[in-house]
Amino acid sequence: MKPLTTEKAIMLIERENILTFEVPREKTRDIIKKEVEEIFEVKVSNVKVLVKNGKKYAYIKLKKEFPAIDVATKLGLI
């Protein structure tokens, strides 16, 4: 999984507690959710996926008690 650092991705982190990743196409929502919860020690509320131009993007909404900005800081995005 590769985190995205676009302006839109940063706005989603700050405003809606959503992390955005580029993920391999064969990964399902359940697999993505489990991996994020294990790697970053957070709880995921929702996972939405988008396939665009042959790439798959995952929008991962974290539960309110786990700020996405903290995870982004650990990743060096902010």
PDB file of N, CA and C in Angstrom:
ATOM      1  N   MET A   1       0.838  -1.176   0.000  1.00  0.00           N
ATOM      2  CA  MET A   1       0.000   0.000   0.000  1.00  0.00           C
ATOM      3  C   MET A   1       0.882   1.238   0.000  1.00  0.00           C
ATOM      4  N   LYS A   2       0.479   2.191  -0.817  1.00  0.00           N
ATOM      5  CA  LYS A   2       1.249   3.428  -0.952  1.00  0.00           C
ATOM      6  C   LYS A   2       0.340   4.614  -0.609  1.00  0.00           C
ATOM      7  N   PRO A   3       0.699   5.406   0.414  1.00  0.00           N
ATOM      8  CA  PRO A   3      -0.150   6.542   0.778  1.00  0.00           C
ATOM      9  C   PRO A   3      -0.082   7.648  -0.275  1.00  0.00           C
ATOM     10  N   LEU A   4      -1.209   8.319  -0.496  1.00  0.00           N
ATOM     11  CA  LEU A   4      -1.244   9.429  -1.445  1.00  0.00           C
ATOM     12  C   LEU A   4      -1.042  10.745  -0.717  1.00  0.00           C
ATOM     13  N   THR A   5      -0.327  11.668  -1.374  1.00  0.00           N
ATOM     14  CA  THR A   5      -0.015  12.949  -0.755  1.00  0.00           C
ATOM     15  C   THR A   5      -0.534  14.116  -1.584  1.00  0.00           C
ATOM     16  N   THR A   6      -1.612  13.907  -2.296  1.00  0.00           N
ATOM     17  CA  THR A   6      -2.193  14.980  -3.101  1.00  0.00           C
ATOM     18  C   THR A   6      -2.912  15.976  -2.182  1.00  0.00           C
ATOM     19  N   GLU A   7      -3.254  17.127  -2.731  1.00  0.00           N
ATOM     20  CA  GLU A   7      -3.987  18.125  -1.946  1.00  0.00           C
ATOM     21  C   GLU A   7      -5.313  17.559  -1.447  1.00  0.00           C
ATOM     22  N   LYS A   8      -5.994  16.833  -2.319  1.00  0.00           N
ATOM     23  CA  LYS A   8      -7.279  16.243  -1.934  1.00  0.00           C
ATOM     24  C   LYS A   8      -7.092  15.250  -0.786  1.00  0.00           C
ATOM     25  N   ALA A   9      -6.056  14.425  -0.859  1.00  0.00           N
ATOM     26  CA  ALA A   9      -5.805  13.426   0.181  1.00  0.00           C
ATOM     27  C   ALA A   9      -5.521  14.100   1.527  1.00  0.00           C
ATOM     28  N   ILE A  10      -4.762  15.189   1.511  1.00  0.00           N
ATOM     29  CA  ILE A  10      -4.452  15.906   2.747  1.00  0.00           C
ATOM     30  C   ILE A  10      -5.720  16.558   3.314  1.00  0.00           C
ATOM     31  N   MET A  11      -6.562  17.118   2.440  1.00  0.00           N
ATOM     32  CA  MET A  11      -7.823  17.708   2.904  1.00  0.00           C
ATOM     33  C   MET A  11      -8.724  16.650   3.548  1.00  0.00           C
ATOM     34  N   LEU A  12      -8.759  15.453   2.955  1.00  0.00           N
ATOM     35  CA  LEU A  12      -9.574  14.377   3.528  1.00  0.00           C
ATOM     36  C   LEU A  12      -9.060  13.962   4.901  1.00  0.00           C
ATOM     37  N   ILE A  13      -7.744  13.970   5.078  1.00  0.00           N
ATOM     38  CA  ILE A  13      -7.165  13.639   6.385  1.00  0.00           C
ATOM     39  C   ILE A  13      -7.619  14.664   7.415  1.00  0.00           C
ATOM     40  N   GLU A  14      -7.502  15.929   7.072  1.00  0.00           N
ATOM     41  CA  GLU A  14      -7.800  16.996   8.023  1.00  0.00           C
ATOM     42  C   GLU A  14      -9.291  17.147   8.304  1.00  0.00           C
ATOM     43  N   ARG A  15     -10.120  17.064   7.277  1.00  0.00           N
ATOM     44  CA  ARG A  15     -11.545  17.366   7.432  1.00  0.00           C
ATOM     45  C   ARG A  15     -12.411  16.165   7.770  1.00  0.00           C
ATOM     46  N   GLU A  16     -12.098  14.996   7.198  1.00  0.00           N
ATOM     47  CA  GLU A  16     -13.027  13.876   7.311  1.00  0.00           C
ATOM     48  C   GLU A  16     -12.441  12.620   7.958  1.00  0.00           C
ATOM     49  N   ASN A  17     -11.189  12.716   8.435  1.00  0.00           N
ATOM     50  CA  ASN A  17     -10.533  11.587   9.102  1.00  0.00           C
ATOM     51  C   ASN A  17     -10.395  10.380   8.164  1.00  0.00           C
ATOM     52  N   ILE A  18     -10.033  10.661   6.893  1.00  0.00           N
ATOM     53  CA  ILE A  18      -9.906   9.619   5.875  1.00  0.00           C
ATOM     54  C   ILE A  18      -8.472   9.566   5.359  1.00  0.00           C
ATOM     55  N   LEU A  19      -7.917   8.354   5.322  1.00  0.00           N
ATOM     56  CA  LEU A  19      -6.599   8.121   4.723  1.00  0.00           C
ATOM     57  C   LEU A  19      -6.803   7.571   3.315  1.00  0.00           C
ATOM     58  N   THR A  20      -5.933   7.957   2.383  1.00  0.00           N
ATOM     59  CA  THR A  20      -6.047   7.501   1.006  1.00  0.00           C
ATOM     60  C   THR A  20      -4.786   6.741   0.618  1.00  0.00           C
ATOM     61  N   PHE A  21      -4.967   5.536   0.084  1.00  0.00           N
ATOM     62  CA  PHE A  21      -3.846   4.698  -0.328  1.00  0.00           C
ATOM     63  C   PHE A  21      -4.072   4.172  -1.741  1.00  0.00           C
ATOM     64  N   GLU A  22      -2.976   3.984  -2.473  1.00  0.00           N
ATOM     65  CA  GLU A  22      -3.027   3.225  -3.717  1.00  0.00           C
ATOM     66  C   GLU A  22      -2.727   1.787  -3.320  1.00  0.00           C
ATOM     67  N   VAL A  23      -3.600   0.870  -3.722  1.00  0.00           N
ATOM     68  CA  VAL A  23      -3.467  -0.527  -3.307  1.00  0.00           C
ATOM     69  C   VAL A  23      -3.464  -1.441  -4.523  1.00  0.00           C
ATOM     70  N   PRO A  24      -2.908  -2.643  -4.382  1.00  0.00           N
ATOM     71  CA  PRO A  24      -2.966  -3.608  -5.486  1.00  0.00           C
ATOM     72  C   PRO A  24      -4.417  -3.976  -5.797  1.00  0.00           C
ATOM     73  N   ARG A  25      -4.702  -4.211  -7.057  1.00  0.00           N
ATOM     74  CA  ARG A  25      -6.085  -4.457  -7.489  1.00  0.00           C
ATOM     75  C   ARG A  25      -6.692  -5.723  -6.901  1.00  0.00           C
ATOM     76  N   GLU A  26      -5.864  -6.696  -6.546  1.00  0.00           N
ATOM     77  CA  GLU A  26      -6.405  -7.960  -6.048  1.00  0.00           C
ATOM     78  C   GLU A  26      -6.835  -7.900  -4.580  1.00  0.00           C
ATOM     79  N   LYS A  27      -6.508  -6.826  -3.859  1.00  0.00           N
ATOM     80  CA  LYS A  27      -6.881  -6.726  -2.449  1.00  0.00           C
ATOM     81  C   LYS A  27      -8.347  -6.305  -2.317  1.00  0.00           C
ATOM     82  N   THR A  28      -9.031  -6.977  -1.403  1.00  0.00           N
ATOM     83  CA  THR A  28     -10.437  -6.669  -1.147  1.00  0.00           C
ATOM     84  C   THR A  28     -10.548  -5.665  -0.006  1.00  0.00           C
ATOM     85  N   ARG A  29     -11.743  -5.147   0.196  1.00  0.00           N
ATOM     86  CA  ARG A  29     -11.977  -4.184   1.281  1.00  0.00           C
ATOM     87  C   ARG A  29     -11.642  -4.782   2.642  1.00  0.00           C
ATOM     88  N   ASP A  30     -12.029  -6.040   2.842  1.00  0.00           N
ATOM     89  CA  ASP A  30     -11.771  -6.691   4.132  1.00  0.00           C
ATOM     90  C   ASP A  30     -10.277  -6.833   4.396  1.00  0.00           C
ATOM     91  N   ILE A  31      -9.514  -7.210   3.376  1.00  0.00           N
ATOM     92  CA  ILE A  31      -8.065  -7.360   3.532  1.00  0.00           C
ATOM     93  C   ILE A  31      -7.426  -6.001   3.828  1.00  0.00           C
ATOM     94  N   ILE A  32      -7.844  -4.973   3.105  1.00  0.00           N
ATOM     95  CA  ILE A  32      -7.308  -3.619   3.314  1.00  0.00           C
ATOM     96  C   ILE A  32      -7.600  -3.162   4.742  1.00  0.00           C
ATOM     97  N   LYS A  33      -8.829  -3.387   5.201  1.00  0.00           N
ATOM     98  CA  LYS A  33      -9.223  -2.983   6.556  1.00  0.00           C
ATOM     99  C   LYS A  33      -8.357  -3.677   7.603  1.00  0.00           C
ATOM    100  N   LYS A  34      -8.185  -4.995   7.477  1.00  0.00           N
ATOM    101  CA  LYS A  34      -7.381  -5.747   8.444  1.00  0.00           C
ATOM    102  C   LYS A  34      -5.937  -5.268   8.455  1.00  0.00           C
ATOM    103  N   GLU A  35      -5.366  -5.033   7.272  1.00  0.00           N
ATOM    104  CA  GLU A  35      -3.975  -4.589   7.198  1.00  0.00           C
ATOM    105  C   GLU A  35      -3.778  -3.231   7.851  1.00  0.00           C
ATOM    106  N   VAL A  36      -4.668  -2.284   7.575  1.00  0.00           N
ATOM    107  CA  VAL A  36      -4.542  -0.944   8.166  1.00  0.00           C
ATOM    108  C   VAL A  36      -4.680  -1.019   9.679  1.00  0.00           C
ATOM    109  N   GLU A  37      -5.641  -1.800  10.162  1.00  0.00           N
ATOM    110  CA  GLU A  37      -5.827  -1.923  11.615  1.00  0.00           C
ATOM    111  C   GLU A  37      -4.603  -2.542  12.284  1.00  0.00           C
ATOM    112  N   GLU A  38      -3.986  -3.529  11.647  1.00  0.00           N
ATOM    113  CA  GLU A  38      -2.815  -4.179  12.230  1.00  0.00           C
ATOM    114  C   GLU A  38      -1.575  -3.292  12.159  1.00  0.00           C
ATOM    115  N   ILE A  39      -1.330  -2.687  11.014  1.00  0.00           N
ATOM    116  CA  ILE A  39      -0.115  -1.901  10.816  1.00  0.00           C
ATOM    117  C   ILE A  39      -0.107  -0.636  11.671  1.00  0.00           C
ATOM    118  N   PHE A  40      -1.220   0.103  11.675  1.00  0.00           N
ATOM    119  CA  PHE A  40      -1.252   1.403  12.338  1.00  0.00           C
ATOM    120  C   PHE A  40      -1.912   1.381  13.711  1.00  0.00           C
ATOM    121  N   GLU A  41      -2.401   0.215  14.150  1.00  0.00           N
ATOM    122  CA  GLU A  41      -3.039   0.039  15.453  1.00  0.00           C
ATOM    123  C   GLU A  41      -4.183   1.029  15.650  1.00  0.00           C
ATOM    124  N   VAL A  42      -5.088   1.058  14.671  1.00  0.00           N
ATOM    125  CA  VAL A  42      -6.274   1.912  14.702  1.00  0.00           C
ATOM    126  C   VAL A  42      -7.499   1.051  14.410  1.00  0.00           C
ATOM    127  N   LYS A  43      -8.678   1.643  14.530  1.00  0.00           N
ATOM    128  CA  LYS A  43      -9.920   0.969  14.153  1.00  0.00           C
ATOM    129  C   LYS A  43     -10.502   1.674  12.939  1.00  0.00           C
ATOM    130  N   VAL A  44     -10.861   0.889  11.932  1.00  0.00           N
ATOM    131  CA  VAL A  44     -11.396   1.425  10.684  1.00  0.00           C
ATOM    132  C   VAL A  44     -12.918   1.408  10.739  1.00  0.00           C
ATOM    133  N   SER A  45     -13.511   2.531  10.356  1.00  0.00           N
ATOM    134  CA  SER A  45     -14.954   2.652  10.326  1.00  0.00           C
ATOM    135  C   SER A  45     -15.528   2.175   8.989  1.00  0.00           C
ATOM    136  N   ASN A  46     -14.835   2.538   7.883  1.00  0.00           N
ATOM    137  CA  ASN A  46     -15.374   2.279   6.556  1.00  0.00           C
ATOM    138  C   ASN A  46     -14.232   2.252   5.535  1.00  0.00           C
ATOM    139  N   VAL A  47     -14.371   1.437   4.502  1.00  0.00           N
ATOM    140  CA  VAL A  47     -13.402   1.403   3.404  1.00  0.00           C
ATOM    141  C   VAL A  47     -14.169   1.523   2.091  1.00  0.00           C
ATOM    142  N   LYS A  48     -13.796   2.509   1.307  1.00  0.00           N
ATOM    143  CA  LYS A  48     -14.358   2.667  -0.037  1.00  0.00           C
ATOM    144  C   LYS A  48     -13.220   2.518  -1.030  1.00  0.00           C
ATOM    145  N   VAL A  49     -13.495   1.907  -2.173  1.00  0.00           N
ATOM    146  CA  VAL A  49     -12.454   1.730  -3.184  1.00  0.00           C
ATOM    147  C   VAL A  49     -12.885   2.366  -4.492  1.00  0.00           C
ATOM    148  N   LEU A  50     -11.881   2.793  -5.247  1.00  0.00           N
ATOM    149  CA  LEU A  50     -12.099   3.413  -6.543  1.00  0.00           C
ATOM    150  C   LEU A  50     -11.057   2.848  -7.494  1.00  0.00           C
ATOM    151  N   VAL A  51     -11.494   2.361  -8.651  1.00  0.00           N
ATOM    152  CA  VAL A  51     -10.569   1.903  -9.688  1.00  0.00           C
ATOM    153  C   VAL A  51     -10.603   2.944 -10.799  1.00  0.00           C
ATOM    154  N   LYS A  52      -9.437   3.533 -11.068  1.00  0.00           N
ATOM    155  CA  LYS A  52      -9.356   4.610 -12.045  1.00  0.00           C
ATOM    156  C   LYS A  52      -8.028   4.488 -12.792  1.00  0.00           C
ATOM    157  N   ASN A  53      -8.107   4.508 -14.109  1.00  0.00           N
ATOM    158  CA  ASN A  53      -6.915   4.413 -14.963  1.00  0.00           C
ATOM    159  C   ASN A  53      -6.060   3.190 -14.632  1.00  0.00           C
ATOM    160  N   GLY A  54      -6.695   2.078 -14.328  1.00  0.00           N
ATOM    161  CA  GLY A  54      -5.974   0.849 -14.055  1.00  0.00           C
ATOM    162  C   GLY A  54      -5.375   0.772 -12.661  1.00  0.00           C
ATOM    163  N   LYS A  55      -5.612   1.765 -11.815  1.00  0.00           N
ATOM    164  CA  LYS A  55      -5.093   1.758 -10.446  1.00  0.00           C
ATOM    165  C   LYS A  55      -6.261   1.705  -9.478  1.00  0.00           C
ATOM    166  N   LYS A  56      -6.011   1.122  -8.314  1.00  0.00           N
ATOM    167  CA  LYS A  56      -7.051   1.000  -7.302  1.00  0.00           C
ATOM    168  C   LYS A  56      -6.670   1.863  -6.104  1.00  0.00           C
ATOM    169  N   TYR A  57      -7.613   2.676  -5.672  1.00  0.00           N
ATOM    170  CA  TYR A  57      -7.400   3.569  -4.546  1.00  0.00           C
ATOM    171  C   TYR A  57      -8.368   3.198  -3.433  1.00  0.00           C
ATOM    172  N   ALA A  58      -7.872   3.211  -2.199  1.00  0.00           N
ATOM    173  CA  ALA A  58      -8.710   2.918  -1.042  1.00  0.00           C
ATOM    174  C   ALA A  58      -8.833   4.164  -0.182  1.00  0.00           C
ATOM    175  N   TYR A  59     -10.069   4.532   0.127  1.00  0.00           N
ATOM    176  CA  TYR A  59     -10.362   5.637   1.029  1.00  0.00           C
ATOM    177  C   TYR A  59     -10.779   5.011   2.356  1.00  0.00           C
ATOM    178  N   ILE A  60      -9.953   5.173   3.380  1.00  0.00           N
ATOM    179  CA  ILE A  60     -10.138   4.475   4.639  1.00  0.00           C
ATOM    180  C   ILE A  60     -10.529   5.477   5.720  1.00  0.00           C
ATOM    181  N   LYS A  61     -11.769   5.393   6.164  1.00  0.00           N
ATOM    182  CA  LYS A  61     -12.256   6.287   7.216  1.00  0.00           C
ATOM    183  C   LYS A  61     -11.997   5.633   8.565  1.00  0.00           C
ATOM    184  N   LEU A  62     -11.301   6.361   9.425  1.00  0.00           N
ATOM    185  CA  LEU A  62     -10.996   5.858  10.754  1.00  0.00           C
ATOM    186  C   LEU A  62     -12.090   6.271  11.735  1.00  0.00           C
ATOM    187  N   LYS A  63     -12.224   5.493  12.811  1.00  0.00           N
ATOM    188  CA  LYS A  63     -13.183   5.850  13.852  1.00  0.00           C
ATOM    189  C   LYS A  63     -12.718   7.135  14.527  1.00  0.00           C
ATOM    190  N   LYS A  64     -13.672   7.869  15.117  1.00  0.00           N
ATOM    191  CA  LYS A  64     -13.400   9.198  15.660  1.00  0.00           C
ATOM    192  C   LYS A  64     -12.292   9.223  16.704  1.00  0.00           C
ATOM    193  N   GLU A  65     -12.167   8.171  17.479  1.00  0.00           N
ATOM    194  CA  GLU A  65     -11.148   8.164  18.535  1.00  0.00           C
ATOM    195  C   GLU A  65      -9.727   7.952  18.007  1.00  0.00           C
ATOM    196  N   PHE A  66      -9.575   7.718  16.706  1.00  0.00           N
ATOM    197  CA  PHE A  66      -8.267   7.532  16.072  1.00  0.00           C
ATOM    198  C   PHE A  66      -8.074   8.601  14.990  1.00  0.00           C
ATOM    199  N   PRO A  67      -7.417   9.723  15.310  1.00  0.00           N
ATOM    200  CA  PRO A  67      -7.232  10.794  14.320  1.00  0.00           C
ATOM    201  C   PRO A  67      -6.335  10.362  13.162  1.00  0.00           C
ATOM    202  N   ALA A  68      -6.799  10.571  11.951  1.00  0.00           N
ATOM    203  CA  ALA A  68      -6.024  10.225  10.759  1.00  0.00           C
ATOM    204  C   ALA A  68      -4.755  11.067  10.668  1.00  0.00           C
ATOM    205  N   ILE A  69      -4.792  12.261  11.234  1.00  0.00           N
ATOM    206  CA  ILE A  69      -3.625  13.134  11.177  1.00  0.00           C
ATOM    207  C   ILE A  69      -2.447  12.528  11.948  1.00  0.00           C
ATOM    208  N   ASP A  70      -2.725  11.762  13.010  1.00  0.00           N
ATOM    209  CA  ASP A  70      -1.655  11.091  13.757  1.00  0.00           C
ATOM    210  C   ASP A  70      -0.979  10.025  12.896  1.00  0.00           C
ATOM    211  N   VAL A  71      -1.776   9.259  12.161  1.00  0.00           N
ATOM    212  CA  VAL A  71      -1.224   8.229  11.272  1.00  0.00           C
ATOM    213  C   VAL A  71      -0.442   8.891  10.145  1.00  0.00           C
ATOM    214  N   ALA A  72      -0.975   9.979   9.591  1.00  0.00           N
ATOM    215  CA  ALA A  72      -0.299  10.699   8.515  1.00  0.00           C
ATOM    216  C   ALA A  72       1.041  11.249   8.982  1.00  0.00           C
ATOM    217  N   THR A  73       1.103  11.697  10.213  1.00  0.00           N
ATOM    218  CA  THR A  73       2.352  12.211  10.776  1.00  0.00           C
ATOM    219  C   THR A  73       3.373  11.084  10.901  1.00  0.00           C
ATOM    220  N   LYS A  74       2.937   9.910  11.352  1.00  0.00           N
ATOM    221  CA  LYS A  74       3.835   8.754  11.452  1.00  0.00           C
ATOM    222  C   LYS A  74       4.395   8.371  10.083  1.00  0.00           C
ATOM    223  N   LEU A  75       3.557   8.512   9.036  1.00  0.00           N
ATOM    224  CA  LEU A  75       3.973   8.174   7.677  1.00  0.00           C
ATOM    225  C   LEU A  75       4.830   9.268   7.050  1.00  0.00           C
ATOM    226  N   GLY A  76       4.868  10.441   7.669  1.00  0.00           N
ATOM    227  CA  GLY A  76       5.640  11.549   7.128  1.00  0.00           C
ATOM    228  C   GLY A  76       4.901  12.328   6.044  1.00  0.00           C
ATOM    229  N   LEU A  77       3.569  12.211   6.011  1.00  0.00           N
ATOM    230  CA  LEU A  77       2.772  12.919   5.017  1.00  0.00           C
ATOM    231  C   LEU A  77       2.567  14.378   5.403  1.00  0.00           C
ATOM    232  N   ILE A  78       2.530  14.632   6.703  1.00  0.00           N
ATOM    233  CA  ILE A  78       2.293  16.001   7.199  1.00  0.00           C
ATOM    234  C   ILE A  78       3.435  16.397   8.110  1.00  0.00           C
TER     235      ILE A  78
END
